[in-house]
All heavy atoms as atom14 arrays in JSON, in Angstrom:
{
  "sequence": "LTAIRGMVPTPANRPAGCPFHTRCSQVIPGVCDAQMPQYSHAGP",
  "atom14_mask": [
    [1, 1, 1, 1, 1, 1, 1, 1, 0, 0, 0, 0, 0, 0],
    [1, 1, 1, 1, 1, 1, 1, 0, 0, 0, 0, 0, 0, 0],
    [1, 1, 1, 1, 1, 0, 0, 0, 0, 0, 0, 0, 0, 0],
    [1, 1, 1, 1, 1, 1, 1, 1, 0, 0, 0, 0, 0, 0],
    [1, 1, 1, 1, 1, 1, 1, 1, 1, 1, 1, 0, 0, 0],
    [1, 1, 1, 1, 0, 0, 0, 0, 0, 0, 0, 0, 0, 0],
    [1, 1, 1, 1, 1, 1, 1, 1, 0, 0, 0, 0, 0, 0],
    [1, 1, 1, 1, 1, 1, 1, 0, 0, 0, 0, 0, 0, 0],
    [1, 1, 1, 1, 1, 1, 1, 0, 0, 0, 0, 0, 0, 0],
    [1, 1, 1, 1, 1, 1, 1, 0, 0, 0, 0, 0, 0, 0],
    [1, 1, 1, 1, 1, 1, 1, 0, 0, 0, 0, 0, 0, 0],
    [1, 1, 1, 1, 1, 0, 0, 0, 0, 0, 0, 0, 0, 0],
    [1, 1, 1, 1, 1, 1, 1, 1, 0, 0, 0, 0, 0, 0],
    [1, 1, 1, 1, 1, 1, 1, 1, 1, 1, 1, 0, 0, 0],
    [1, 1, 1, 1, 1, 1, 1, 0, 0, 0, 0, 0, 0, 0],
    [1, 1, 1, 1, 1, 0, 0, 0, 0, 0, 0, 0, 0, 0],
    [1, 1, 1, 1, 0, 0, 0, 0, 0, 0, 0, 0, 0, 0],
    [1, 1, 1, 1, 1, 1, 0, 0, 0, 0, 0, 0, 0, 0],
    [1, 1, 1, 1, 1, 1, 1, 0, 0, 0, 0, 0, 0, 0],
    [1, 1, 1, 1, 1, 1, 1, 1, 1, 1, 1, 0, 0, 0],
    [1, 1, 1, 1, 1, 1, 1, 1, 1, 1, 0, 0, 0, 0],
    [1, 1, 1, 1, 1, 1, 1, 0, 0, 0, 0, 0, 0, 0],
    [1, 1, 1, 1, 1, 1, 1, 1, 1, 1, 1, 0, 0, 0],
    [1, 1, 1, 1, 1, 1, 0, 0, 0, 0, 0, 0, 0, 0],
    [1, 1, 1, 1, 1, 1, 0, 0, 0, 0, 0, 0, 0, 0],
    [1, 1, 1, 1, 1, 1, 1, 1, 1, 0, 0, 0, 0, 0],
    [1, 1, 1, 1, 1, 1, 1, 0, 0, 0, 0, 0, 0, 0],
    [1, 1, 1, 1, 1, 1, 1, 1, 0, 0, 0, 0, 0, 0],
    [1, 1, 1, 1, 1, 1, 1, 0, 0, 0, 0, 0, 0, 0],
    [1, 1, 1, 1, 0, 0, 0, 0, 0, 0, 0, 0, 0, 0],
    [1, 1, 1, 1, 1, 1, 1, 0, 0, 0, 0, 0, 0, 0],
    [1, 1, 1, 1, 1, 1, 0, 0, 0, 0, 0, 0, 0, 0],
    [1, 1, 1, 1, 1, 1, 1, 1, 0, 0, 0, 0, 0, 0],
    [1, 1, 1, 1, 1, 0, 0, 0, 0, 0, 0, 0, 0, 0],
    [1, 1, 1, 1, 1, 1, 1, 1, 1, 0, 0, 0, 0, 0],
    [1, 1, 1, 1, 1, 1, 1, 1, 0, 0, 0, 0, 0, 0],
    [1, 1, 1, 1, 1, 1, 1, 0, 0, 0, 0, 0, 0, 0],
    [1, 1, 1, 1, 1, 1, 1, 1, 1, 0, 0, 0, 0, 0],
    [1, 1, 1, 1, 1, 1, 1, 1, 1, 1, 1, 1, 0, 0],
    [1, 1, 1, 1, 1, 1, 0, 0, 0, 0, 0, 0, 0, 0],
    [1, 1, 1, 1, 1, 1, 1, 1, 1, 1, 0, 0, 0, 0],
    [1, 1, 1, 1, 1, 0, 0, 0, 0, 0, 0, 0, 0, 0],
    [1, 1, 1, 1, 0, 0, 0, 0, 0, 0, 0, 0, 0, 0],
    [1, 1, 1, 1, 1, 1, 1, 0, 0, 0, 0, 0, 0, 0]
  ],
  "atom14_positions": [
    [[93.93, 38.83, 9.97], [94.44, 38.99, 11.32], [95.93, 38.66, 11.34], [96.41, 37.87, 10.53], [93.69, 38.06, 12.27], [92.17, 38.28, 12.36], [91.54, 37.23, 13.26], [91.86, 39.67, 12.87], [0.0, 0.0, 0.0], [0.0, 0.0, 0.0], [0.0, 0.0, 0.0], [0.0, 0.0, 0.0], [0.0, 0.0, 0.0], [0.0, 0.0, 0.0]],
    [[96.65, 39.28, 12.25], [98.09, 39.09, 12.34], [98.39, 38.05, 13.4], [98.24, 38.31, 14.6], [98.8, 40.41, 12.68], [98.45, 41.39, 11.72], [100.31, 40.22, 12.69], [0.0, 0.0, 0.0], [0.0, 0.0, 0.0], [0.0, 0.0, 0.0], [0.0, 0.0, 0.0], [0.0, 0.0, 0.0], [0.0, 0.0, 0.0], [0.0, 0.0, 0.0]],
    [[98.82, 36.88, 12.99], [99.14, 35.8, 13.91], [100.64, 35.72, 14.14], [101.43, 36.09, 13.26], [98.63, 34.46, 13.36], [0.0, 0.0, 0.0], [0.0, 0.0, 0.0], [0.0, 0.0, 0.0], [0.0, 0.0, 0.0], [0.0, 0.0, 0.0], [0.0, 0.0, 0.0], [0.0, 0.0, 0.0], [0.0, 0.0, 0.0], [0.0, 0.0, 0.0]],
    [[101.03, 35.28, 15.32], [102.44, 34.98, 15.56], [102.8, 33.74, 14.75], [102.11, 32.73, 14.82], [102.69, 34.72, 17.06], [102.26, 35.92, 17.89], [104.16, 34.41, 17.31], [102.33, 35.69, 19.39], [0.0, 0.0, 0.0], [0.0, 0.0, 0.0], [0.0, 0.0, 0.0], [0.0, 0.0, 0.0], [0.0, 0.0, 0.0], [0.0, 0.0, 0.0]],
    [[103.85, 33.81, 13.98], [104.18, 32.69, 13.11], [104.66, 31.5, 13.94], [105.24, 31.65, 15.01], [105.24, 33.09, 12.09], [106.54, 33.56, 12.66], [107.41, 34.21, 11.58], [108.63, 34.77, 12.13], [109.78, 34.11, 12.19], [109.86, 32.88, 11.74], [110.85, 34.69, 12.7], [0.0, 0.0, 0.0], [0.0, 0.0, 0.0], [0.0, 0.0, 0.0]],
    [[104.41, 30.32, 13.4], [104.88, 29.12, 14.05], [104.06, 28.74, 15.27], [102.93, 29.19, 15.45], [0.0, 0.0, 0.0], [0.0, 0.0, 0.0], [0.0, 0.0, 0.0], [0.0, 0.0, 0.0], [0.0, 0.0, 0.0], [0.0, 0.0, 0.0], [0.0, 0.0, 0.0], [0.0, 0.0, 0.0], [0.0, 0.0, 0.0], [0.0, 0.0, 0.0]],
    [[104.65, 27.92, 16.13], [103.97, 27.43, 17.32], [104.96, 27.35, 18.47], [106.18, 27.4, 18.27], [103.36, 26.06, 17.04], [104.36, 24.98, 16.75], [103.63, 23.43, 16.15], [103.4, 23.85, 14.41], [0.0, 0.0, 0.0], [0.0, 0.0, 0.0], [0.0, 0.0, 0.0], [0.0, 0.0, 0.0], [0.0, 0.0, 0.0], [0.0, 0.0, 0.0]],
    [[104.43, 27.21, 19.67], [105.29, 27.09, 20.84], [106.04, 25.76, 20.77], [105.42, 24.7, 20.64], [104.45, 27.14, 22.13], [105.37, 27.04, 23.36], [103.63, 28.42, 22.2], [0.0, 0.0, 0.0], [0.0, 0.0, 0.0], [0.0, 0.0, 0.0], [0.0, 0.0, 0.0], [0.0, 0.0, 0.0], [0.0, 0.0, 0.0], [0.0, 0.0, 0.0]],
    [[107.38, 25.77, 20.85], [108.11, 24.5, 20.86], [107.78, 23.7, 22.12], [107.35, 24.26, 23.13], [109.59, 24.93, 20.86], [109.59, 26.39, 20.51], [108.27, 26.93, 20.94], [0.0, 0.0, 0.0], [0.0, 0.0, 0.0], [0.0, 0.0, 0.0], [0.0, 0.0, 0.0], [0.0, 0.0, 0.0], [0.0, 0.0, 0.0], [0.0, 0.0, 0.0]],
    [[107.97, 22.41, 22.06], [107.78, 21.61, 23.26], [108.95, 21.88, 24.22], [110.06, 22.21, 23.77], [107.74, 20.12, 22.93], [109.0, 19.73, 22.37], [106.62, 19.82, 21.94], [0.0, 0.0, 0.0], [0.0, 0.0, 0.0], [0.0, 0.0, 0.0], [0.0, 0.0, 0.0], [0.0, 0.0, 0.0], [0.0, 0.0, 0.0], [0.0, 0.0, 0.0]],
    [[108.73, 21.75, 25.53], [109.84, 21.95, 26.47], [111.03, 21.05, 26.19], [112.17, 21.41, 26.48], [109.2, 21.64, 27.83], [107.75, 21.92, 27.64], [107.45, 21.52, 26.23], [0.0, 0.0, 0.0], [0.0, 0.0, 0.0], [0.0, 0.0, 0.0], [0.0, 0.0, 0.0], [0.0, 0.0, 0.0], [0.0, 0.0, 0.0], [0.0, 0.0, 0.0]],
    [[110.78, 19.87, 25.61], [111.88, 18.96, 25.28], [112.75, 19.49, 24.14], [113.91, 19.09, 24.0], [111.33, 17.58, 24.91], [0.0, 0.0, 0.0], [0.0, 0.0, 0.0], [0.0, 0.0, 0.0], [0.0, 0.0, 0.0], [0.0, 0.0, 0.0], [0.0, 0.0, 0.0], [0.0, 0.0, 0.0], [0.0, 0.0, 0.0], [0.0, 0.0, 0.0]],
    [[112.19, 20.4, 23.33], [112.92, 20.98, 22.2], [113.14, 22.48, 22.41], [113.06, 23.26, 21.47], [112.16, 20.75, 20.9], [112.02, 19.28, 20.56], [112.97, 18.52, 20.7], [110.83, 18.88, 20.15], [0.0, 0.0, 0.0], [0.0, 0.0, 0.0], [0.0, 0.0, 0.0], [0.0, 0.0, 0.0], [0.0, 0.0, 0.0], [0.0, 0.0, 0.0]],
    [[113.42, 22.87, 23.64], [113.61, 24.28, 23.96], [114.79, 24.85, 23.17], [115.9, 24.3, 23.2], [113.87, 24.43, 25.46], [114.01, 25.87, 25.94], [114.43, 25.91, 27.4], [113.48, 25.21, 28.24], [112.4, 25.77, 28.77], [112.15, 27.05, 28.54], [111.59, 25.07, 29.52], [0.0, 0.0, 0.0], [0.0, 0.0, 0.0], [0.0, 0.0, 0.0]],
    [[114.58, 25.95, 22.44], [115.68, 26.54, 21.67], [116.75, 27.11, 22.59], [116.48, 27.51, 23.73], [114.99, 27.66, 20.87], [113.53, 27.37, 20.94], [113.31, 26.66, 22.23], [0.0, 0.0, 0.0], [0.0, 0.0, 0.0], [0.0, 0.0, 0.0], [0.0, 0.0, 0.0], [0.0, 0.0, 0.0], [0.0, 0.0, 0.0], [0.0, 0.0, 0.0]],
    [[117.98, 27.18, 22.09], [119.05, 27.82, 22.84], [118.82, 29.33, 22.86], [118.16, 29.89, 21.98], [120.4, 27.5, 22.19], [0.0, 0.0, 0.0], [0.0, 0.0, 0.0], [0.0, 0.0, 0.0], [0.0, 0.0, 0.0], [0.0, 0.0, 0.0], [0.0, 0.0, 0.0], [0.0, 0.0, 0.0], [0.0, 0.0, 0.0], [0.0, 0.0, 0.0]],
    [[119.37, 29.99, 23.85], [119.21, 31.43, 23.96], [117.81, 31.81, 24.39], [117.18, 31.12, 25.2], [0.0, 0.0, 0.0], [0.0, 0.0, 0.0], [0.0, 0.0, 0.0], [0.0, 0.0, 0.0], [0.0, 0.0, 0.0], [0.0, 0.0, 0.0], [0.0, 0.0, 0.0], [0.0, 0.0, 0.0], [0.0, 0.0, 0.0], [0.0, 0.0, 0.0]],
    [[117.29, 32.89, 23.84], [115.92, 33.31, 24.14], [114.94, 32.3, 23.56], [115.0, 32.01, 22.36], [115.65, 34.69, 23.57], [113.92, 35.23, 23.74], [0.0, 0.0, 0.0], [0.0, 0.0, 0.0], [0.0, 0.0, 0.0], [0.0, 0.0, 0.0], [0.0, 0.0, 0.0], [0.0, 0.0, 0.0], [0.0, 0.0, 0.0], [0.0, 0.0, 0.0]],
    [[114.04, 31.74, 24.35], [113.15, 30.69, 23.82], [112.22, 31.18, 22.72], [111.71, 30.38, 21.93], [112.36, 30.25, 25.06], [112.47, 31.37, 26.03], [113.81, 31.99, 25.78], [0.0, 0.0, 0.0], [0.0, 0.0, 0.0], [0.0, 0.0, 0.0], [0.0, 0.0, 0.0], [0.0, 0.0, 0.0], [0.0, 0.0, 0.0], [0.0, 0.0, 0.0]],
    [[111.99, 32.52, 22.61], [111.06, 33.06, 21.61], [111.75, 33.4, 20.29], [111.07, 33.75, 19.33], [110.37, 34.3, 22.18], [109.27, 34.86, 21.31], [108.14, 34.11, 21.01], [109.38, 36.13, 20.76], [107.13, 34.61, 20.21], [108.36, 36.65, 19.95], [107.24, 35.88, 19.67], [0.0, 0.0, 0.0], [0.0, 0.0, 0.0], [0.0, 0.0, 0.0]],
    [[113.06, 33.26, 20.21], [113.75, 33.8, 19.04], [113.36, 33.1, 17.74], [113.46, 33.69, 16.65], [115.27, 33.75, 19.24], [115.91, 32.42, 18.92], [116.14, 31.44, 19.86], [116.37, 31.91, 17.74], [116.7, 30.39, 19.29], [116.86, 30.64, 18.01], [0.0, 0.0, 0.0], [0.0, 0.0, 0.0], [0.0, 0.0, 0.0], [0.0, 0.0, 0.0]],
    [[112.89, 31.85, 17.79], [112.52, 31.13, 16.57], [111.24, 31.68, 15.94], [110.95, 31.38, 14.78], [112.34, 29.63, 16.86], [111.35, 29.47, 17.89], [113.64, 29.01, 17.31], [0.0, 0.0, 0.0], [0.0, 0.0, 0.0], [0.0, 0.0, 0.0], [0.0, 0.0, 0.0], [0.0, 0.0, 0.0], [0.0, 0.0, 0.0], [0.0, 0.0, 0.0]],
    [[110.48, 32.47, 16.67], [109.22, 33.03, 16.16], [109.24, 34.56, 16.15], [108.24, 35.19, 15.78], [108.05, 32.55, 17.01], [107.95, 31.06, 17.19], [106.91, 30.68, 18.2], [105.56, 30.97, 17.77], [104.5, 31.0, 18.56], [104.63, 30.78, 19.86], [103.3, 31.27, 18.08], [0.0, 0.0, 0.0], [0.0, 0.0, 0.0], [0.0, 0.0, 0.0]],
    [[110.34, 35.15, 16.56], [110.39, 36.58, 16.83], [110.65, 37.4, 15.57], [111.48, 37.03, 14.73], [111.49, 36.87, 17.86], [111.59, 38.6, 18.36], [0.0, 0.0, 0.0], [0.0, 0.0, 0.0], [0.0, 0.0, 0.0], [0.0, 0.0, 0.0], [0.0, 0.0, 0.0], [0.0, 0.0, 0.0], [0.0, 0.0, 0.0], [0.0, 0.0, 0.0]],
    [[109.95, 38.52, 15.45], [110.16, 39.43, 14.32], [111.27, 40.43, 14.6], [111.6, 41.24, 13.74], [108.85, 40.18, 14.02], [108.44, 40.94, 15.14], [0.0, 0.0, 0.0], [0.0, 0.0, 0.0], [0.0, 0.0, 0.0], [0.0, 0.0, 0.0], [0.0, 0.0, 0.0], [0.0, 0.0, 0.0], [0.0, 0.0, 0.0], [0.0, 0.0, 0.0]],
    [[111.86, 40.4, 15.81], [112.92, 41.35, 16.17], [114.23, 40.63, 16.49], [115.11, 41.19, 17.14], [112.48, 42.13, 17.43], [111.17, 42.88, 17.29], [111.3, 44.1, 16.39], [112.41, 44.56, 16.14], [110.19, 44.63, 15.92], [0.0, 0.0, 0.0], [0.0, 0.0, 0.0], [0.0, 0.0, 0.0], [0.0, 0.0, 0.0], [0.0, 0.0, 0.0]],
    [[114.39, 39.39, 16.03], [115.54, 38.58, 16.41], [116.87, 39.2, 15.97], [116.97, 39.75, 14.86], [115.4, 37.14, 15.86], [115.43, 37.13, 14.33], [116.45, 36.23, 16.45], [0.0, 0.0, 0.0], [0.0, 0.0, 0.0], [0.0, 0.0, 0.0], [0.0, 0.0, 0.0], [0.0, 0.0, 0.0], [0.0, 0.0, 0.0], [0.0, 0.0, 0.0]],
    [[117.87, 39.14, 16.85], [119.22, 39.61, 16.54], [120.12, 38.38, 16.38], [120.42, 37.7, 17.37], [119.78, 40.5, 17.67], [118.82, 41.66, 17.96], [121.16, 41.04, 17.31], [119.21, 42.47, 19.18], [0.0, 0.0, 0.0], [0.0, 0.0, 0.0], [0.0, 0.0, 0.0], [0.0, 0.0, 0.0], [0.0, 0.0, 0.0], [0.0, 0.0, 0.0]],
    [[120.51, 38.03, 15.14], [121.33, 36.82, 14.93], [122.62, 36.88, 15.75], [123.25, 37.93, 15.87], [121.61, 36.85, 13.42], [120.49, 37.68, 12.85], [120.19, 38.71, 13.89], [0.0, 0.0, 0.0], [0.0, 0.0, 0.0], [0.0, 0.0, 0.0], [0.0, 0.0, 0.0], [0.0, 0.0, 0.0], [0.0, 0.0, 0.0], [0.0, 0.0, 0.0]],
    [[122.99, 35.74, 16.31], [124.2, 35.64, 17.09], [124.05, 36.08, 18.53], [124.95, 35.88, 19.35], [0.0, 0.0, 0.0], [0.0, 0.0, 0.0], [0.0, 0.0, 0.0], [0.0, 0.0, 0.0], [0.0, 0.0, 0.0], [0.0, 0.0, 0.0], [0.0, 0.0, 0.0], [0.0, 0.0, 0.0], [0.0, 0.0, 0.0], [0.0, 0.0, 0.0]],
    [[122.92, 36.69, 18.85], [122.66, 37.13, 20.22], [121.45, 36.4, 20.8], [121.56, 35.66, 21.77], [122.44, 38.66, 20.29], [122.12, 39.1, 21.72], [123.66, 39.39, 19.78], [0.0, 0.0, 0.0], [0.0, 0.0, 0.0], [0.0, 0.0, 0.0], [0.0, 0.0, 0.0], [0.0, 0.0, 0.0], [0.0, 0.0, 0.0], [0.0, 0.0, 0.0]],
    [[120.29, 36.59, 20.15], [119.06, 35.99, 20.66], [119.1, 34.48, 20.63], [118.47, 33.83, 21.47], [117.86, 36.5, 19.86], [117.58, 38.28, 19.98], [0.0, 0.0, 0.0], [0.0, 0.0, 0.0], [0.0, 0.0, 0.0], [0.0, 0.0, 0.0], [0.0, 0.0, 0.0], [0.0, 0.0, 0.0], [0.0, 0.0, 0.0], [0.0, 0.0, 0.0]],
    [[119.83, 33.91, 19.67], [119.88, 32.46, 19.55], [121.02, 31.84, 20.34], [121.25, 30.63, 20.27], [119.99, 32.05, 18.08], [121.17, 32.71, 17.37], [121.85, 33.53, 18.02], [121.39, 32.42, 16.18], [0.0, 0.0, 0.0], [0.0, 0.0, 0.0], [0.0, 0.0, 0.0], [0.0, 0.0, 0.0], [0.0, 0.0, 0.0], [0.0, 0.0, 0.0]],
    [[121.72, 32.67, 21.12], [122.87, 32.15, 21.86], [122.82, 32.46, 23.35], [123.36, 31.69, 24.15], [124.17, 32.73, 21.27], [0.0, 0.0, 0.0], [0.0, 0.0, 0.0], [0.0, 0.0, 0.0], [0.0, 0.0, 0.0], [0.0, 0.0, 0.0], [0.0, 0.0, 0.0], [0.0, 0.0, 0.0], [0.0, 0.0, 0.0], [0.0, 0.0, 0.0]],
    [[122.2, 33.57, 23.74], [122.23, 33.99, 25.13], [120.81, 34.18, 25.67], [119.95, 34.73, 24.98], [123.0, 35.31, 25.28], [124.41, 35.29, 24.74], [125.02, 36.68, 24.72], [124.58, 37.58, 25.44], [126.04, 36.85, 23.9], [0.0, 0.0, 0.0], [0.0, 0.0, 0.0], [0.0, 0.0, 0.0], [0.0, 0.0, 0.0], [0.0, 0.0, 0.0]],
    [[120.61, 33.78, 26.92], [119.34, 34.03, 27.59], [119.29, 35.5, 28.02], [120.21, 35.98, 28.68], [119.18, 33.12, 28.81], [117.84, 33.26, 29.52], [116.47, 32.58, 28.56], [116.82, 30.83, 28.71], [0.0, 0.0, 0.0], [0.0, 0.0, 0.0], [0.0, 0.0, 0.0], [0.0, 0.0, 0.0], [0.0, 0.0, 0.0], [0.0, 0.0, 0.0]],
    [[118.25, 36.24, 27.64], [118.19, 37.66, 28.02], [117.95, 37.84, 29.52], [117.3, 37.02, 30.16], [117.02, 38.19, 27.21], [116.15, 37.0, 26.96], [117.08, 35.83, 26.85], [0.0, 0.0, 0.0], [0.0, 0.0, 0.0], [0.0, 0.0, 0.0], [0.0, 0.0, 0.0], [0.0, 0.0, 0.0], [0.0, 0.0, 0.0], [0.0, 0.0, 0.0]],
    [[118.5, 38.92, 30.06], [118.27, 39.29, 31.46], [117.19, 40.36, 31.53], [116.88, 41.02, 30.54], [119.57, 39.81, 32.08], [120.72, 38.82, 32.03], [120.42, 37.53, 32.77], [119.96, 37.57, 33.91], [120.67, 36.39, 32.12], [0.0, 0.0, 0.0], [0.0, 0.0, 0.0], [0.0, 0.0, 0.0], [0.0, 0.0, 0.0], [0.0, 0.0, 0.0]],
    [[116.62, 40.53, 32.71], [115.56, 41.52, 32.87], [116.13, 42.94, 32.8], [117.18, 43.25, 33.37], [114.86, 41.35, 34.21], [113.88, 40.2, 34.24], [114.09, 39.1, 35.07], [112.73, 40.21, 33.44], [113.2, 38.04, 35.09], [111.84, 39.15, 33.46], [112.09, 38.07, 34.29], [111.2, 37.03, 34.31], [0.0, 0.0, 0.0], [0.0, 0.0, 0.0]],
    [[115.4, 43.79, 32.07], [115.66, 45.23, 32.06], [114.41, 45.93, 32.57], [113.29, 45.4, 32.44], [115.97, 45.71, 30.63], [117.11, 45.06, 30.12], [0.0, 0.0, 0.0], [0.0, 0.0, 0.0], [0.0, 0.0, 0.0], [0.0, 0.0, 0.0], [0.0, 0.0, 0.0], [0.0, 0.0, 0.0], [0.0, 0.0, 0.0], [0.0, 0.0, 0.0]],
    [[114.57, 47.11, 33.13], [113.44, 47.84, 33.68], [112.92, 48.85, 32.65], [113.64, 49.75, 32.23], [113.84, 48.55, 34.97], [113.94, 47.61, 36.14], [112.87, 47.26, 36.92], [115.01, 46.92, 36.64], [113.25, 46.41, 37.86], [114.55, 46.19, 37.71], [0.0, 0.0, 0.0], [0.0, 0.0, 0.0], [0.0, 0.0, 0.0], [0.0, 0.0, 0.0]],
    [[111.67, 48.67, 32.23], [111.02, 49.61, 31.33], [110.24, 50.66, 32.12], [109.64, 51.56, 31.55], [110.07, 48.87, 30.4], [0.0, 0.0, 0.0], [0.0, 0.0, 0.0], [0.0, 0.0, 0.0], [0.0, 0.0, 0.0], [0.0, 0.0, 0.0], [0.0, 0.0, 0.0], [0.0, 0.0, 0.0], [0.0, 0.0, 0.0], [0.0, 0.0, 0.0]],
    [[110.23, 50.53, 33.43], [109.55, 51.45, 34.33], [109.81, 50.98, 35.75], [110.44, 49.94, 35.96], [0.0, 0.0, 0.0], [0.0, 0.0, 0.0], [0.0, 0.0, 0.0], [0.0, 0.0, 0.0], [0.0, 0.0, 0.0], [0.0, 0.0, 0.0], [0.0, 0.0, 0.0], [0.0, 0.0, 0.0], [0.0, 0.0, 0.0], [0.0, 0.0, 0.0]],
    [[109.33, 51.71, 36.73], [109.59, 51.34, 38.13], [109.17, 49.92, 38.47], [109.84, 49.23, 39.23], [108.79, 52.37, 38.93], [108.64, 53.53, 38.0], [108.57, 52.97, 36.63], [0.0, 0.0, 0.0], [0.0, 0.0, 0.0], [0.0, 0.0, 0.0], [0.0, 0.0, 0.0], [0.0, 0.0, 0.0], [0.0, 0.0, 0.0], [0.0, 0.0, 0.0]]
  ]
}
């Protein structure tokens, strides 16, 4: 089975930028670890 690697960090150790970037398979260095993403519309 394909598991998400790692575990959810505690709120006290919230990562900078996107909170999921430490476990993400699509991470963009210098972006995801630095800036909080804004909402985009994938549909109405």
